[in-house]
Amino acid sequence: MIDLAITYGTGPVSLPVLASSQGISEGYLEQLLRELKKGGVVDTVRGAQGGYELTCDPAELTVQRVLTLLEGSTAIVDCVGTLHHNCGSACSCSARPLFLRLQTRINEVLERTTIRELADDYQQQRARGIPGKNICEQKQ
């Protein structure tokens, strides 16, 4: 998502370039991108110059939305997720109130943080010389 945010508005990025940038297999990345496409945040462009691109401005796309599309839930433990009925101790667990408060704070941060912010942070790290790979290096 960071690579797609960095290249937002410049055209699609090919699967091999994205996979190489992230150091993951094309097959695994394709699975992730398929889920993101189903969720309406990524689109595919066919052809020789085709690839993947964001369907919306990364400044409008929250980390919460991306994680929910990929993971289904951002719950830190089952008892604070929507399926807390799977835990037989949910009603009597002394730690559950703590987990609920933590989950609330996590959700707030994930909902307030955009993919653009992550991309900007990444680019600032790179500008300071912190090592890492990104799509811009792949395109040169």
Protein backbone atom coordinates (compact mmCIF):
# COMPACT_ATOMS: atom_id res chain seq x y z
CA MET A 1 0.00 0.00 0.00
CA ILE A 2 2.89 2.35 0.71
CA ASP A 3 4.28 1.81 -2.78
CA LEU A 4 0.87 2.43 -4.34
CA ALA A 5 0.46 5.58 -2.23
CA ILE A 6 3.88 6.88 -3.29
CA THR A 7 3.05 6.33 -6.95
CA TYR A 8 -0.59 7.48 -6.68
CA GLY A 9 -1.62 9.45 -9.75
CA THR A 10 1.36 8.37 -11.86
CA GLY A 11 -0.18 5.24 -13.33
CA PRO A 12 -0.29 1.56 -12.46
CA VAL A 13 2.59 -0.41 -10.98
CA SER A 14 3.26 -3.96 -12.14
CA LEU A 15 2.95 -6.94 -9.83
CA PRO A 16 6.63 -7.94 -10.25
CA VAL A 17 7.81 -4.44 -9.31
CA LEU A 18 5.54 -4.32 -6.25
CA ALA A 19 6.54 -7.82 -5.13
CA SER A 20 10.24 -7.09 -5.55
CA SER A 21 9.93 -3.83 -3.65
CA GLN A 22 8.32 -5.61 -0.71
CA GLY A 23 10.44 -8.74 -0.84
CA ILE A 24 7.44 -11.05 -1.09
CA SER A 25 6.30 -13.54 -3.69
CA GLU A 26 4.11 -12.41 -6.55
CA GLY A 27 1.60 -15.13 -5.68
CA TYR A 28 1.16 -13.95 -2.11
CA LEU A 29 0.98 -10.30 -3.15
CA GLU A 30 -1.62 -11.18 -5.76
CA GLN A 31 -3.79 -12.71 -3.03
CA LEU A 32 -3.53 -9.52 -0.97
CA LEU A 33 -4.26 -7.30 -3.95
CA ARG A 34 -7.27 -9.44 -4.86
CA GLU A 35 -8.78 -8.77 -1.42
CA LEU A 36 -8.03 -5.07 -1.72
CA LYS A 37 -9.65 -5.02 -5.16
CA LYS A 38 -12.77 -6.74 -3.78
CA GLY A 39 -12.85 -4.03 -1.14
CA GLY A 40 -12.70 -1.33 -3.78
CA VAL A 41 -9.40 0.30 -2.80
CA VAL A 42 -7.20 -1.14 -5.58
CA ASP A 43 -7.88 -1.50 -9.27
CA THR A 44 -6.10 -3.33 -12.06
CA VAL A 45 -5.09 -1.96 -15.42
CA ARG A 46 -4.54 -4.46 -18.21
CA GLY A 47 -1.93 -4.28 -20.92
CA ALA A 48 1.80 -3.85 -21.33
CA GLN A 49 1.84 -0.78 -19.08
CA GLY A 50 -0.73 -2.27 -16.73
CA GLY A 51 -0.58 -3.13 -13.09
CA TYR A 52 -2.21 -2.01 -9.87
CA GLU A 53 -3.21 1.40 -8.58
CA LEU A 54 -5.22 2.89 -5.76
CA THR A 55 -8.82 3.80 -6.55
CA CYS A 56 -8.84 6.67 -4.08
CA ASP A 57 -6.54 9.32 -2.72
CA PRO A 58 -4.25 7.70 -0.12
CA ALA A 59 -5.01 10.68 2.15
CA GLU A 60 -8.60 9.37 2.31
CA LEU A 61 -7.72 5.70 2.85
CA THR A 62 -7.32 4.68 6.48
CA VAL A 63 -5.09 1.98 7.87
CA GLN A 64 -8.21 0.63 9.61
CA ARG A 65 -9.94 0.04 6.27
CA VAL A 66 -6.94 -1.72 4.73
CA LEU A 67 -6.36 -3.96 7.76
CA THR A 68 -10.05 -4.85 7.95
CA LEU A 69 -10.08 -5.79 4.26
CA LEU A 70 -6.98 -7.95 4.63
CA GLU A 71 -7.49 -9.40 8.10
CA GLY A 72 -11.24 -9.19 8.65
CA SER A 73 -10.71 -7.74 12.12
CA THR A 74 -8.23 -5.64 14.02
CA ALA A 75 -9.17 -7.19 17.37
CA ILE A 76 -6.17 -7.77 19.64
CA VAL A 77 -7.92 -10.73 21.26
CA ASP A 78 -11.09 -12.61 20.33
CA CYS A 79 -13.14 -11.31 23.24
CA VAL A 80 -13.02 -7.72 21.99
CA GLY A 81 -13.86 -8.57 18.39
CA THR A 82 -17.31 -8.87 16.92
CA LEU A 83 -17.26 -12.62 17.54
CA HIS A 84 -16.58 -12.45 21.27
CA HIS A 85 -19.18 -15.14 21.82
CA ASN A 86 -16.41 -17.64 20.98
CA CYS A 87 -14.90 -16.99 24.39
CA GLY A 88 -16.72 -18.72 27.22
CA SER A 89 -15.12 -16.38 29.77
CA ALA A 90 -15.89 -13.08 28.04
CA CYS A 91 -18.49 -12.05 30.60
CA SER A 92 -16.40 -12.91 33.65
CA CYS A 93 -12.86 -12.15 32.44
CA SER A 94 -11.16 -9.57 34.64
CA ALA A 95 -8.80 -8.58 31.81
CA ARG A 96 -11.57 -7.90 29.28
CA PRO A 97 -12.19 -4.28 30.34
CA LEU A 98 -8.50 -3.57 29.83
CA PHE A 99 -8.55 -5.26 26.43
CA LEU A 100 -11.63 -3.25 25.47
CA ARG A 101 -9.93 0.04 26.39
CA LEU A 102 -6.81 -0.96 24.47
CA GLN A 103 -8.88 -1.98 21.46
CA THR A 104 -10.73 1.32 21.51
CA ARG A 105 -7.45 3.26 21.45
CA ILE A 106 -6.01 1.04 18.72
CA ASN A 107 -9.12 1.53 16.59
CA GLU A 108 -8.93 5.30 17.08
CA VAL A 109 -5.31 5.39 15.89
CA LEU A 110 -5.96 3.07 12.94
CA GLU A 111 -8.99 5.12 11.89
CA ARG A 112 -7.11 8.43 12.14
CA THR A 113 -4.00 7.22 10.31
CA THR A 114 -4.05 7.29 6.53
CA ILE A 115 -1.99 5.41 4.00
CA ARG A 116 -0.67 8.81 2.81
CA GLU A 117 0.71 9.47 6.30
CA LEU A 118 2.50 6.12 6.29
CA ALA A 119 3.93 6.83 2.84
CA ASP A 120 5.08 10.30 3.92
CA ASP A 121 6.71 8.87 7.06
CA TYR A 122 8.46 6.25 4.95
CA GLN A 123 9.77 8.84 2.52
CA GLN A 124 11.04 11.00 5.40
CA GLN A 125 12.91 8.00 6.83
CA ARG A 126 14.49 7.38 3.44
CA ALA A 127 15.48 11.05 3.16
CA ARG A 128 17.27 10.74 6.52
CA GLY A 129 19.21 7.77 5.19
CA ILE A 130 17.37 5.03 7.04
CA PRO A 131 17.82 1.92 4.87
CA GLY A 132 14.90 0.27 3.15
CA LYS A 133 13.45 -0.53 -0.23
CA ASN A 134 10.69 1.25 -2.04
CA ILE A 135 9.03 1.44 -5.38
CA CYS A 136 10.89 4.59 -6.42
CA GLU A 137 14.19 2.71 -6.37
CA GLN A 138 12.67 -0.03 -8.52
CA LYS A 139 11.51 2.39 -11.23
CA GLN A 140 14.90 4.05 -11.76
